[in-house]
Amino acid sequence: MLIIDRIEEGKAVCEDEDGRQVVLEIFPDGAAEGDVLVYSDDGQLTVDTCMTRLRREKAAALSRRIQGRRRKENIT
């Protein structure tokens, strides 16, 4: 599994499960920052839309919690 951190100069800069950086010159069409890439049965990298959605939902929930804490700190 790879997660696209950013796309620079037509290359996808990714992070693997161990936190190592991996640069891909070829990656799925339409792939974007934050997408989860997995290898399909035929060895091709594809976007795992379910995992991508779950990761984005978790990140959004964490952001909401952090923002809520900041608001409470500013009130008191």
C-alpha atoms as a PDB file:
ATOM      1  CA  MET A   1       0.000   0.000   0.000  1.00  0.00           C
ATOM      2  CA  LEU A   2       1.235   3.475  -0.903  1.00  0.00           C
ATOM      3  CA  ILE A   3      -0.294   6.830  -0.026  1.00  0.00           C
ATOM      4  CA  ILE A   4       0.286   9.765  -2.344  1.00  0.00           C
ATOM      5  CA  ASP A   5       1.740  12.631  -0.337  1.00  0.00           C
ATOM      6  CA  ARG A   6       2.112  15.010  -3.258  1.00  0.00           C
ATOM      7  CA  ILE A   7       2.570  15.154  -7.002  1.00  0.00           C
ATOM      8  CA  GLU A   8       5.616  17.069  -8.235  1.00  0.00           C
ATOM      9  CA  GLU A   9       6.825  17.491 -11.781  1.00  0.00           C
ATOM     10  CA  GLY A  10       4.629  14.630 -12.966  1.00  0.00           C
ATOM     11  CA  LYS A  11       5.860  12.220 -10.287  1.00  0.00           C
ATOM     12  CA  ALA A  12       3.903  10.902  -7.316  1.00  0.00           C
ATOM     13  CA  VAL A  13       5.787  11.190  -4.043  1.00  0.00           C
ATOM     14  CA  CYS A  14       4.320   8.472  -1.839  1.00  0.00           C
ATOM     15  CA  GLU A  15       4.779   6.960   1.581  1.00  0.00           C
ATOM     16  CA  ASP A  16       4.695   3.220   2.151  1.00  0.00           C
ATOM     17  CA  GLU A  17       3.357   1.393   5.204  1.00  0.00           C
ATOM     18  CA  ASP A  18       6.725   1.710   6.956  1.00  0.00           C
ATOM     19  CA  GLY A  19       6.891   5.459   6.419  1.00  0.00           C
ATOM     20  CA  ARG A  20       9.495   5.252   3.659  1.00  0.00           C
ATOM     21  CA  GLN A  21       9.312   7.641   0.743  1.00  0.00           C
ATOM     22  CA  VAL A  22       8.678   6.144  -2.699  1.00  0.00           C
ATOM     23  CA  VAL A  23       8.682   8.187  -5.911  1.00  0.00           C
ATOM     24  CA  LEU A  24       6.581   6.884  -8.788  1.00  0.00           C
ATOM     25  CA  GLU A  25       7.085   8.110 -12.320  1.00  0.00           C
ATOM     26  CA  ILE A  26       4.077   6.099 -13.489  1.00  0.00           C
ATOM     27  CA  PHE A  27       0.901   6.032 -11.438  1.00  0.00           C
ATOM     28  CA  PRO A  28      -2.835   5.628 -12.119  1.00  0.00           C
ATOM     29  CA  ASP A  29      -4.532   8.305 -14.228  1.00  0.00           C
ATOM     30  CA  GLY A  30      -6.601  10.606 -12.067  1.00  0.00           C
ATOM     31  CA  ALA A  31      -4.734   9.703  -8.862  1.00  0.00           C
ATOM     32  CA  ALA A  32      -4.457  12.642  -6.450  1.00  0.00           C
ATOM     33  CA  GLU A  33      -2.817  13.642  -3.198  1.00  0.00           C
ATOM     34  CA  GLY A  34      -4.094  11.501  -0.336  1.00  0.00           C
ATOM     35  CA  ASP A  35      -5.113   8.575  -2.546  1.00  0.00           C
ATOM     36  CA  VAL A  36      -4.262   5.065  -1.399  1.00  0.00           C
ATOM     37  CA  LEU A  37      -2.594   2.956  -4.067  1.00  0.00           C
ATOM     38  CA  VAL A  38      -2.544  -0.831  -3.992  1.00  0.00           C
ATOM     39  CA  TYR A  39      -1.290  -3.483  -6.364  1.00  0.00           C
ATOM     40  CA  SER A  40      -4.025  -5.382  -8.175  1.00  0.00           C
ATOM     41  CA  ASP A  41      -3.844  -9.112  -8.918  1.00  0.00           C
ATOM     42  CA  ASP A  42      -2.161  -8.390 -12.251  1.00  0.00           C
ATOM     43  CA  GLY A  43       0.540  -6.268 -10.583  1.00  0.00           C
ATOM     44  CA  GLN A  44      -0.827  -2.872 -11.637  1.00  0.00           C
ATOM     45  CA  LEU A  45      -1.145  -0.002  -9.193  1.00  0.00           C
ATOM     46  CA  THR A  46      -4.739   1.103  -8.708  1.00  0.00           C
ATOM     47  CA  VAL A  47      -6.469   3.620  -6.457  1.00  0.00           C
ATOM     48  CA  ASP A  48      -8.244   1.906  -3.571  1.00  0.00           C
ATOM     49  CA  THR A  49     -11.272   4.179  -3.357  1.00  0.00           C
ATOM     50  CA  CYS A  50     -12.632   2.570  -0.184  1.00  0.00           C
ATOM     51  CA  MET A  51      -9.363   2.945   1.750  1.00  0.00           C
ATOM     52  CA  THR A  52      -8.913   6.472   0.409  1.00  0.00           C
ATOM     53  CA  ARG A  53     -12.408   7.448   1.583  1.00  0.00           C
ATOM     54  CA  LEU A  54     -11.857   5.914   5.034  1.00  0.00           C
ATOM     55  CA  ARG A  55      -8.535   7.730   5.487  1.00  0.00           C
ATOM     56  CA  ARG A  56     -10.071  11.035   4.422  1.00  0.00           C
ATOM     57  CA  GLU A  57     -13.017  10.553   6.798  1.00  0.00           C
ATOM     58  CA  LYS A  58     -10.635   9.803   9.687  1.00  0.00           C
ATOM     59  CA  ALA A  59      -8.553  12.883   8.872  1.00  0.00           C
ATOM     60  CA  ALA A  60     -11.667  15.073   8.725  1.00  0.00           C
ATOM     61  CA  ALA A  61     -12.910  13.727  12.069  1.00  0.00           C
ATOM     62  CA  LEU A  62      -9.515  14.361  13.679  1.00  0.00           C
ATOM     63  CA  SER A  63      -9.470  17.898  12.274  1.00  0.00           C
ATOM     64  CA  ARG A  64     -12.948  18.567  13.693  1.00  0.00           C
ATOM     65  CA  ARG A  65     -11.852  17.314  17.125  1.00  0.00           C
ATOM     66  CA  ILE A  66      -8.736  19.492  17.060  1.00  0.00           C
ATOM     67  CA  GLN A  67     -10.728  22.543  15.980  1.00  0.00           C
ATOM     68  CA  GLY A  68     -13.238  21.883  18.771  1.00  0.00           C
ATOM     69  CA  ARG A  69     -10.452  21.799  21.351  1.00  0.00           C
ATOM     70  CA  ARG A  70      -8.986  25.034  20.050  1.00  0.00           C
ATOM     71  CA  ARG A  71     -12.364  26.763  20.308  1.00  0.00           C
ATOM     72  CA  LYS A  72     -12.788  25.577  23.904  1.00  0.00           C
ATOM     73  CA  GLU A  73      -9.277  26.788  24.814  1.00  0.00           C
ATOM     74  CA  ASN A  74     -10.004  30.231  23.342  1.00  0.00           C
ATOM     75  CA  ILE A  75     -13.272  30.522  25.278  1.00  0.00           C
ATOM     76  CA  THR A  76     -11.774  29.907  28.720  1.00  0.00           C
END
